[in-house]
Amino acid sequence: MGLFSPFCGGAEAQTVSTEVRMAQAGPPDVPPPRKRPARLRVTPYYSPDGVYPRYNPGPDAVRECNATYVQEYRPSGTVIVPHMSCYWRRG
């Protein structure tokens, strides 16, 4: 017939207890908060002219560059490539 048939056997009603149960809050199981690591300040590694001095050369600094050709030994053979080295000097 149906699920709610009065002829279903084994269905019994539950009794309601008269005692009141209180929910008790126990100690929290939350770990202590982690400390954040110190923040690092990151500055970009660029400059408008593509030159980034490792120190402040001063307001009247001049960039000196020496360009030469050097030999490089590669698996395909020895090649000659340009090599440039620059430094700052006071102007």
PDB file of N, CA and C in Angstrom:
ATOM      1  N   MET A   1       0.818  -1.183   0.000  1.00  0.00           N
ATOM      2  CA  MET A   1       0.000   0.000   0.000  1.00  0.00           C
ATOM      3  C   MET A   1       0.865   1.251   0.000  1.00  0.00           C
ATOM      4  N   GLY A   2       1.176   1.712   1.083  1.00  0.00           N
ATOM      5  CA  GLY A   2       1.969   2.916   1.129  1.00  0.00           C
ATOM      6  C   GLY A   2       2.961   2.854   2.272  1.00  0.00           C
ATOM      7  N   LEU A   3       3.730   3.834   2.334  1.00  0.00           N
ATOM      8  CA  LEU A   3       4.728   3.861   3.390  1.00  0.00           C
ATOM      9  C   LEU A   3       4.109   4.166   4.749  1.00  0.00           C
ATOM     10  N   PHE A   4       3.004   4.847   4.751  1.00  0.00           N
ATOM     11  CA  PHE A   4       2.385   5.248   6.012  1.00  0.00           C
ATOM     12  C   PHE A   4       1.198   4.350   6.359  1.00  0.00           C
ATOM     13  N   SER A   5       1.361   3.099   6.068  1.00  0.00           N
ATOM     14  CA  SER A   5       0.284   2.149   6.326  1.00  0.00           C
ATOM     15  C   SER A   5       0.182   1.876   7.825  1.00  0.00           C
ATOM     16  N   PRO A   6      -1.019   1.798   8.357  1.00  0.00           N
ATOM     17  CA  PRO A   6      -1.175   1.519   9.784  1.00  0.00           C
ATOM     18  C   PRO A   6      -0.799   0.092  10.129  1.00  0.00           C
ATOM     19  N   PHE A   7      -0.567  -0.760   9.152  1.00  0.00           N
ATOM     20  CA  PHE A   7      -0.271  -2.150   9.419  1.00  0.00           C
ATOM     21  C   PHE A   7       1.230  -2.440   9.451  1.00  0.00           C
ATOM     22  N   CYS A   8       2.063  -1.426   9.424  1.00  0.00           N
ATOM     23  CA  CYS A   8       3.513  -1.623   9.497  1.00  0.00           C
ATOM     24  C   CYS A   8       3.859  -2.075  10.896  1.00  0.00           C
ATOM     25  N   GLY A   9       4.618  -3.104  10.985  1.00  0.00           N
ATOM     26  CA  GLY A   9       5.008  -3.611  12.290  1.00  0.00           C
ATOM     27  C   GLY A   9       6.373  -3.060  12.688  1.00  0.00           C
ATOM     28  N   GLY A  10       6.622  -2.985  13.966  1.00  0.00           N
ATOM     29  CA  GLY A  10       7.917  -2.593  14.482  1.00  0.00           C
ATOM     30  C   GLY A  10       8.106  -1.097  14.615  1.00  0.00           C
ATOM     31  N   ALA A  11       7.122  -0.284  14.324  1.00  0.00           N
ATOM     32  CA  ALA A  11       7.264   1.153  14.471  1.00  0.00           C
ATOM     33  C   ALA A  11       6.723   1.543  15.831  1.00  0.00           C
ATOM     34  N   GLU A  12       7.582   2.097  16.659  1.00  0.00           N
ATOM     35  CA  GLU A  12       7.158   2.523  17.977  1.00  0.00           C
ATOM     36  C   GLU A  12       7.525   3.980  18.179  1.00  0.00           C
ATOM     37  N   ALA A  13       6.748   4.668  18.951  1.00  0.00           N
ATOM     38  CA  ALA A  13       7.005   6.066  19.233  1.00  0.00           C
ATOM     39  C   ALA A  13       8.073   6.183  20.311  1.00  0.00           C
ATOM     40  N   GLN A  14       8.867   7.236  20.236  1.00  0.00           N
ATOM     41  CA  GLN A  14       9.882   7.471  21.257  1.00  0.00           C
ATOM     42  C   GLN A  14       9.282   8.305  22.371  1.00  0.00           C
ATOM     43  N   THR A  15       9.733   8.039  23.572  1.00  0.00           N
ATOM     44  CA  THR A  15       9.239   8.823  24.693  1.00  0.00           C
ATOM     45  C   THR A  15      10.160  10.013  24.916  1.00  0.00           C
ATOM     46  N   VAL A  16       9.590  11.106  25.360  1.00  0.00           N
ATOM     47  CA  VAL A  16      10.343  12.327  25.608  1.00  0.00           C
ATOM     48  C   VAL A  16      10.766  12.317  27.063  1.00  0.00           C
ATOM     49  N   SER A  17      12.059  12.490  27.302  1.00  0.00           N
ATOM     50  CA  SER A  17      12.525  12.516  28.684  1.00  0.00           C
ATOM     51  C   SER A  17      12.266  13.904  29.267  1.00  0.00           C
ATOM     52  N   THR A  18      12.066  13.957  30.550  1.00  0.00           N
ATOM     53  CA  THR A  18      11.735  15.211  31.199  1.00  0.00           C
ATOM     54  C   THR A  18      12.977  15.963  31.665  1.00  0.00           C
ATOM     55  N   GLU A  19      14.130  15.340  31.634  1.00  0.00           N
ATOM     56  CA  GLU A  19      15.330  16.040  32.093  1.00  0.00           C
ATOM     57  C   GLU A  19      15.860  16.943  30.988  1.00  0.00           C
ATOM     58  N   VAL A  20      16.451  18.038  31.407  1.00  0.00           N
ATOM     59  CA  VAL A  20      16.976  19.027  30.474  1.00  0.00           C
ATOM     60  C   VAL A  20      18.488  18.861  30.435  1.00  0.00           C
ATOM     61  N   ARG A  21      19.032  18.752  29.261  1.00  0.00           N
ATOM     62  CA  ARG A  21      20.475  18.614  29.112  1.00  0.00           C
ATOM     63  C   ARG A  21      21.050  19.955  28.678  1.00  0.00           C
ATOM     64  N   MET A  22      22.076  20.402  29.382  1.00  0.00           N
ATOM     65  CA  MET A  22      22.725  21.665  29.071  1.00  0.00           C
ATOM     66  C   MET A  22      23.996  21.391  28.287  1.00  0.00           C
ATOM     67  N   ALA A  23      24.206  22.161  27.250  1.00  0.00           N
ATOM     68  CA  ALA A  23      25.450  22.045  26.486  1.00  0.00           C
ATOM     69  C   ALA A  23      26.529  22.827  27.214  1.00  0.00           C
ATOM     70  N   GLN A  24      27.627  22.171  27.502  1.00  0.00           N
ATOM     71  CA  GLN A  24      28.707  22.838  28.206  1.00  0.00           C
ATOM     72  C   GLN A  24      29.851  23.072  27.241  1.00  0.00           C
ATOM     73  N   ALA A  25      30.384  24.258  27.304  1.00  0.00           N
ATOM     74  CA  ALA A  25      31.509  24.603  26.440  1.00  0.00           C
ATOM     75  C   ALA A  25      32.788  24.172  27.132  1.00  0.00           C
ATOM     76  N   GLY A  26      33.531  23.300  26.493  1.00  0.00           N
ATOM     77  CA  GLY A  26      34.808  22.843  27.034  1.00  0.00           C
ATOM     78  C   GLY A  26      35.924  23.750  26.543  1.00  0.00           C
ATOM     79  N   PRO A  27      37.140  23.447  26.899  1.00  0.00           N
ATOM     80  CA  PRO A  27      38.269  24.262  26.425  1.00  0.00           C
ATOM     81  C   PRO A  27      38.390  24.143  24.905  1.00  0.00           C
ATOM     82  N   PRO A  28      38.674  25.245  24.245  1.00  0.00           N
ATOM     83  CA  PRO A  28      38.742  25.186  22.770  1.00  0.00           C
ATOM     84  C   PRO A  28      39.962  24.370  22.316  1.00  0.00           C
ATOM     85  N   ASP A  29      39.787  23.666  21.234  1.00  0.00           N
ATOM     86  CA  ASP A  29      40.865  22.849  20.666  1.00  0.00           C
ATOM     87  C   ASP A  29      41.574  23.590  19.548  1.00  0.00           C
ATOM     88  N   VAL A  30      41.557  24.910  19.610  1.00  0.00           N
ATOM     89  CA  VAL A  30      42.161  25.736  18.570  1.00  0.00           C
ATOM     90  C   VAL A  30      43.623  25.980  18.936  1.00  0.00           C
ATOM     91  N   PRO A  31      44.557  25.733  18.004  1.00  0.00           N
ATOM     92  CA  PRO A  31      45.968  26.003  18.319  1.00  0.00           C
ATOM     93  C   PRO A  31      46.206  27.506  18.443  1.00  0.00           C
ATOM     94  N   PRO A  32      47.251  27.907  19.157  1.00  0.00           N
ATOM     95  CA  PRO A  32      47.523  29.343  19.291  1.00  0.00           C
ATOM     96  C   PRO A  32      47.860  29.942  17.932  1.00  0.00           C
ATOM     97  N   PRO A  33      47.554  31.223  17.733  1.00  0.00           N
ATOM     98  CA  PRO A  33      47.810  31.839  16.415  1.00  0.00           C
ATOM     99  C   PRO A  33      49.308  31.892  16.119  1.00  0.00           C
ATOM    100  N   ARG A  34      49.633  31.690  14.848  1.00  0.00           N
ATOM    101  CA  ARG A  34      51.034  31.726  14.422  1.00  0.00           C
ATOM    102  C   ARG A  34      51.488  33.166  14.255  1.00  0.00           C
ATOM    103  N   LYS A  35      52.752  33.406  14.564  1.00  0.00           N
ATOM    104  CA  LYS A  35      53.316  34.731  14.335  1.00  0.00           C
ATOM    105  C   LYS A  35      53.664  34.874  12.869  1.00  0.00           C
ATOM    106  N   ARG A  36      53.393  36.030  12.326  1.00  0.00           N
ATOM    107  CA  ARG A  36      53.740  36.293  10.930  1.00  0.00           C
ATOM    108  C   ARG A  36      55.219  36.615  10.844  1.00  0.00           C
ATOM    109  N   PRO A  37      55.891  36.146   9.816  1.00  0.00           N
ATOM    110  CA  PRO A  37      57.303  36.508   9.668  1.00  0.00           C
ATOM    111  C   PRO A  37      57.439  37.993   9.343  1.00  0.00           C
ATOM    112  N   ALA A  38      58.607  38.519   9.596  1.00  0.00           N
ATOM    113  CA  ALA A  38      58.854  39.933   9.332  1.00  0.00           C
ATOM    114  C   ALA A  38      58.707  40.206   7.834  1.00  0.00           C
ATOM    115  N   ARG A  39      58.144  41.341   7.516  1.00  0.00           N
ATOM    116  CA  ARG A  39      57.967  41.698   6.107  1.00  0.00           C
ATOM    117  C   ARG A  39      59.266  42.238   5.543  1.00  0.00           C
ATOM    118  N   LEU A  40      59.565  41.854   4.331  1.00  0.00           N
ATOM    119  CA  LEU A  40      60.741  42.338   3.640  1.00  0.00           C
ATOM    120  C   LEU A  40      60.325  43.391   2.634  1.00  0.00           C
ATOM    121  N   ARG A  41      61.087  44.441   2.541  1.00  0.00           N
ATOM    122  CA  ARG A  41      60.805  45.479   1.559  1.00  0.00           C
ATOM    123  C   ARG A  41      61.548  45.127   0.277  1.00  0.00           C
ATOM    124  N   VAL A  42      60.817  45.026  -0.800  1.00  0.00           N
ATOM    125  CA  VAL A  42      61.398  44.666  -2.089  1.00  0.00           C
ATOM    126  C   VAL A  42      61.383  45.892  -2.983  1.00  0.00           C
ATOM    127  N   THR A  43      62.537  46.232  -3.524  1.00  0.00           N
ATOM    128  CA  THR A  43      62.629  47.360  -4.448  1.00  0.00           C
ATOM    129  C   THR A  43      62.924  46.824  -5.836  1.00  0.00           C
ATOM    130  N   PRO A  44      62.378  47.418  -6.863  1.00  0.00           N
ATOM    131  CA  PRO A  44      62.603  46.909  -8.213  1.00  0.00           C
ATOM    132  C   PRO A  44      64.054  47.087  -8.654  1.00  0.00           C
ATOM    133  N   TYR A  45      64.511  46.180  -9.474  1.00  0.00           N
ATOM    134  CA  TYR A  45      65.879  46.205  -9.983  1.00  0.00           C
ATOM    135  C   TYR A  45      65.847  46.778 -11.401  1.00  0.00           C
ATOM    136  N   TYR A  46      65.587  48.043 -11.505  1.00  0.00           N
ATOM    137  CA  TYR A  46      65.606  48.687 -12.812  1.00  0.00           C
ATOM    138  C   TYR A  46      65.913  50.168 -12.635  1.00  0.00           C
ATOM    139  N   SER A  47      66.243  50.780 -13.716  1.00  0.00           N
ATOM    140  CA  SER A  47      66.527  52.204 -13.735  1.00  0.00           C
ATOM    141  C   SER A  47      66.073  52.719 -15.097  1.00  0.00           C
ATOM    142  N   PRO A  48      65.756  53.991 -15.232  1.00  0.00           N
ATOM    143  CA  PRO A  48      65.280  54.495 -16.522  1.00  0.00           C
ATOM    144  C   PRO A  48      66.267  54.282 -17.661  1.00  0.00           C
ATOM    145  N   ASP A  49      67.574  54.389 -17.390  1.00  0.00           N
ATOM    146  CA  ASP A  49      68.545  54.213 -18.473  1.00  0.00           C
ATOM    147  C   ASP A  49      69.136  52.809 -18.498  1.00  0.00           C
ATOM    148  N   GLY A  50      68.640  51.900 -17.671  1.00  0.00           N
ATOM    149  CA  GLY A  50      69.124  50.530 -17.681  1.00  0.00           C
ATOM    150  C   GLY A  50      70.365  50.307 -16.834  1.00  0.00           C
ATOM    151  N   VAL A  51      70.835  51.347 -16.135  1.00  0.00           N
ATOM    152  CA  VAL A  51      72.023  51.233 -15.301  1.00  0.00           C
ATOM    153  C   VAL A  51      71.591  51.350 -13.852  1.00  0.00           C
ATOM    154  N   TYR A  52      71.975  50.406 -13.060  1.00  0.00           N
ATOM    155  CA  TYR A  52      71.606  50.403 -11.656  1.00  0.00           C
ATOM    156  C   TYR A  52      72.873  50.360 -10.820  1.00  0.00           C
ATOM    157  N   PRO A  53      73.306  51.477 -10.252  1.00  0.00           N
ATOM    158  CA  PRO A  53      74.530  51.445  -9.446  1.00  0.00           C
ATOM    159  C   PRO A  53      74.297  50.699  -8.136  1.00  0.00           C
ATOM    160  N   ARG A  54      75.322  50.034  -7.633  1.00  0.00           N
ATOM    161  CA  ARG A  54      75.215  49.303  -6.375  1.00  0.00           C
ATOM    162  C   ARG A  54      75.308  50.239  -5.179  1.00  0.00           C
ATOM    163  N   TYR A  55      75.613  51.480  -5.400  1.00  0.00           N
ATOM    164  CA  TYR A  55      75.691  52.477  -4.346  1.00  0.00           C
ATOM    165  C   TYR A  55      75.282  53.807  -4.961  1.00  0.00           C
ATOM    166  N   ASN A  56      75.161  54.824  -4.151  1.00  0.00           N
ATOM    167  CA  ASN A  56      74.801  56.143  -4.660  1.00  0.00           C
ATOM    168  C   ASN A  56      76.088  56.845  -5.102  1.00  0.00           C
ATOM    169  N   PRO A  57      76.309  57.003  -6.405  1.00  0.00           N
ATOM    170  CA  PRO A  57      77.571  57.584  -6.862  1.00  0.00           C
ATOM    171  C   PRO A  57      77.664  59.091  -6.642  1.00  0.00           C
ATOM    172  N   GLY A  58      76.590  59.752  -6.326  1.00  0.00           N
ATOM    173  CA  GLY A  58      76.631  61.190  -6.086  1.00  0.00           C
ATOM    174  C   GLY A  58      76.008  61.956  -7.234  1.00  0.00           C
ATOM    175  N   PRO A  59      75.762  63.247  -7.040  1.00  0.00           N
ATOM    176  CA  PRO A  59      75.076  64.029  -8.063  1.00  0.00           C
ATOM    177  C   PRO A  59      75.945  64.343  -9.279  1.00  0.00           C
ATOM    178  N   ASP A  60      77.267  64.333  -9.143  1.00  0.00           N
ATOM    179  CA  ASP A  60      78.123  64.683 -10.277  1.00  0.00           C
ATOM    180  C   ASP A  60      78.888  63.470 -10.808  1.00  0.00           C
ATOM    181  N   ALA A  61      78.338  62.274 -10.647  1.00  0.00           N
ATOM    182  CA  ALA A  61      79.026  61.056 -11.062  1.00  0.00           C
ATOM    183  C   ALA A  61      78.982  60.894 -12.579  1.00  0.00           C
ATOM    184  N   VAL A  62      80.030  60.248 -13.102  1.00  0.00           N
ATOM    185  CA  VAL A  62      80.133  59.971 -14.532  1.00  0.00           C
ATOM    186  C   VAL A  62      80.361  58.475 -14.700  1.00  0.00           C
ATOM    187  N   ARG A  63      79.703  57.914 -15.664  1.00  0.00           N
ATOM    188  CA  ARG A  63      79.846  56.489 -15.936  1.00  0.00           C
ATOM    189  C   ARG A  63      80.949  56.288 -16.961  1.00  0.00           C
ATOM    190  N   GLU A  64      81.950  55.491 -16.591  1.00  0.00           N
ATOM    191  CA  GLU A  64      83.057  55.165 -17.491  1.00  0.00           C
ATOM    192  C   GLU A  64      82.892  53.725 -17.958  1.00  0.00           C
ATOM    193  N   CYS A  65      82.985  53.519 -19.267  1.00  0.00           N
ATOM    194  CA  CYS A  65      82.841  52.170 -19.818  1.00  0.00           C
ATOM    195  C   CYS A  65      84.032  51.847 -20.712  1.00  0.00           C
ATOM    196  N   ASN A  66      84.477  50.615 -20.625  1.00  0.00           N
ATOM    197  CA  ASN A  66      85.536  50.111 -21.494  1.00  0.00           C
ATOM    198  C   ASN A  66      84.969  48.944 -22.279  1.00  0.00           C
ATOM    199  N   ALA A  67      85.064  49.031 -23.598  1.00  0.00           N
ATOM    200  CA  ALA A  67      84.563  47.961 -24.455  1.00  0.00           C
ATOM    201  C   ALA A  67      85.741  47.325 -25.180  1.00  0.00           C
ATOM    202  N   THR A  68      85.806  45.996 -25.119  1.00  0.00           N
ATOM    203  CA  THR A  68      86.865  45.239 -25.803  1.00  0.00           C
ATOM    204  C   THR A  68      86.255  43.983 -26.391  1.00  0.00           C
ATOM    205  N   TYR A  69      87.042  43.277 -27.164  1.00  0.00           N
ATOM    206  CA  TYR A  69      86.657  41.968 -27.684  1.00  0.00           C
ATOM    207  C   TYR A  69      87.473  40.911 -26.947  1.00  0.00           C
ATOM    208  N   VAL A  70      86.803  39.861 -26.514  1.00  0.00           N
ATOM    209  CA  VAL A  70      87.481  38.783 -25.802  1.00  0.00           C
ATOM    210  C   VAL A  70      87.148  37.453 -26.458  1.00  0.00           C
ATOM    211  N   GLN A  71      88.027  36.478 -26.248  1.00  0.00           N
ATOM    212  CA  GLN A  71      87.781  35.130 -26.779  1.00  0.00           C
ATOM    213  C   GLN A  71      86.985  34.329 -25.757  1.00  0.00           C
ATOM    214  N   GLU A  72      85.982  33.616 -26.245  1.00  0.00           N
ATOM    215  CA  GLU A  72      85.231  32.688 -25.402  1.00  0.00           C
ATOM    216  C   GLU A  72      85.353  31.312 -26.011  1.00  0.00           C
ATOM    217  N   TYR A  73      85.602  30.345 -25.142  1.00  0.00           N
ATOM    218  CA  TYR A  73      85.750  28.960 -25.591  1.00  0.00           C
ATOM    219  C   TYR A  73      84.416  28.255 -25.412  1.00  0.00           C
ATOM    220  N   ARG A  74      83.842  27.846 -26.545  1.00  0.00           N
ATOM    221  CA  ARG A  74      82.544  27.181 -26.542  1.00  0.00           C
ATOM    222  C   ARG A  74      82.686  25.797 -27.134  1.00  0.00           C
ATOM    223  N   PRO A  75      81.694  24.912 -26.927  1.00  0.00           N
ATOM    224  CA  PRO A  75      81.779  23.563 -27.504  1.00  0.00           C
ATOM    225  C   PRO A  75      81.880  23.578 -29.032  1.00  0.00           C
ATOM    226  N   SER A  76      81.321  24.581 -29.673  1.00  0.00           N
ATOM    227  CA  SER A  76      81.389  24.651 -31.127  1.00  0.00           C
ATOM    228  C   SER A  76      82.719  25.214 -31.608  1.00  0.00           C
ATOM    229  N   GLY A  77      83.486  25.795 -30.688  1.00  0.00           N
ATOM    230  CA  GLY A  77      84.774  26.371 -31.057  1.00  0.00           C
ATOM    231  C   GLY A  77      84.970  27.722 -30.390  1.00  0.00           C
ATOM    232  N   THR A  78      86.130  28.287 -30.579  1.00  0.00           N
ATOM    233  CA  THR A  78      86.454  29.578 -29.980  1.00  0.00           C
ATOM    234  C   THR A  78      85.805  30.692 -30.793  1.00  0.00           C
ATOM    235  N   VAL A  79      85.170  31.640 -30.083  1.00  0.00           N
ATOM    236  CA  VAL A  79      84.537  32.779 -30.750  1.00  0.00           C
ATOM    237  C   VAL A  79      85.020  34.061 -30.090  1.00  0.00           C
ATOM    238  N   ILE A  80      84.954  35.160 -30.827  1.00  0.00           N
ATOM    239  CA  ILE A  80      85.315  36.468 -30.300  1.00  0.00           C
ATOM    240  C   ILE A  80      84.024  37.254 -30.094  1.00  0.00           C
ATOM    241  N   VAL A  81      83.826  37.719 -28.858  1.00  0.00           N
ATOM    242  CA  VAL A  81      82.589  38.428 -28.518  1.00  0.00           C
ATOM    243  C   VAL A  81      82.938  39.767 -27.870  1.00  0.00           C
ATOM    244  N   PRO A  82      82.055  40.767 -27.993  1.00  0.00           N
ATOM    245  CA  PRO A  82      82.309  42.048 -27.326  1.00  0.00           C
ATOM    246  C   PRO A  82      82.066  41.913 -25.825  1.00  0.00           C
ATOM    247  N   HIS A  83      82.869  42.606 -25.043  1.00  0.00           N
ATOM    248  CA  HIS A  83      82.743  42.597 -23.586  1.00  0.00           C
ATOM    249  C   HIS A  83      82.844  44.040 -23.096  1.00  0.00           C
ATOM    250  N   MET A  84      81.875  44.450 -22.260  1.00  0.00           N
ATOM    251  CA  MET A  84      81.875  45.817 -21.762  1.00  0.00           C
ATOM    252  C   MET A  84      81.897  45.798 -20.244  1.00  0.00           C
ATOM    253  N   SER A  85      82.767  46.608 -19.645  1.00  0.00           N
ATOM    254  CA  SER A  85      82.792  46.756 -18.195  1.00  0.00           C
ATOM    255  C   SER A  85      82.655  48.246 -17.891  1.00  0.00           C
ATOM    256  N   CYS A  86      81.812  48.579 -16.952  1.00  0.00           N
ATOM    257  CA  CYS A  86      81.535  49.982 -16.618  1.00  0.00           C
ATOM    258  C   CYS A  86      81.717  50.196 -15.128  1.00  0.00           C
ATOM    259  N   TYR A  87      82.040  51.412 -14.762  1.00  0.00           N
ATOM    260  CA  TYR A  87      82.130  51.807 -13.364  1.00  0.00           C
ATOM    261  C   TYR A  87      81.804  53.288 -13.273  1.00  0.00           C
ATOM    262  N   TRP A  88      81.541  53.734 -12.040  1.00  0.00           N
ATOM    263  CA  TRP A  88      81.209  55.131 -11.781  1.00  0.00           C
ATOM    264  C   TRP A  88      82.437  55.853 -11.216  1.00  0.00           C
ATOM    265  N   ARG A  89      82.647  57.065 -11.671  1.00  0.00           N
ATOM    266  CA  ARG A  89      83.710  57.895 -11.111  1.00  0.00           C
ATOM    267  C   ARG A  89      83.137  59.274 -10.866  1.00  0.00           C
ATOM    268  N   ARG A  90      83.785  60.018  -9.990  1.00  0.00           N
ATOM    269  CA  ARG A  90      83.323  61.379  -9.689  1.00  0.00           C
ATOM    270  C   ARG A  90      83.652  62.307 -10.857  1.00  0.00           C
ATOM    271  N   GLY A  91      82.726  63.158 -11.191  1.00  0.00           N
ATOM    272  CA  GLY A  91      82.885  64.042 -12.339  1.00  0.00           C
ATOM    273  C   GLY A  91      83.462  65.310 -11.924  1.00  0.00           C
TER     274      GLY A  91
END
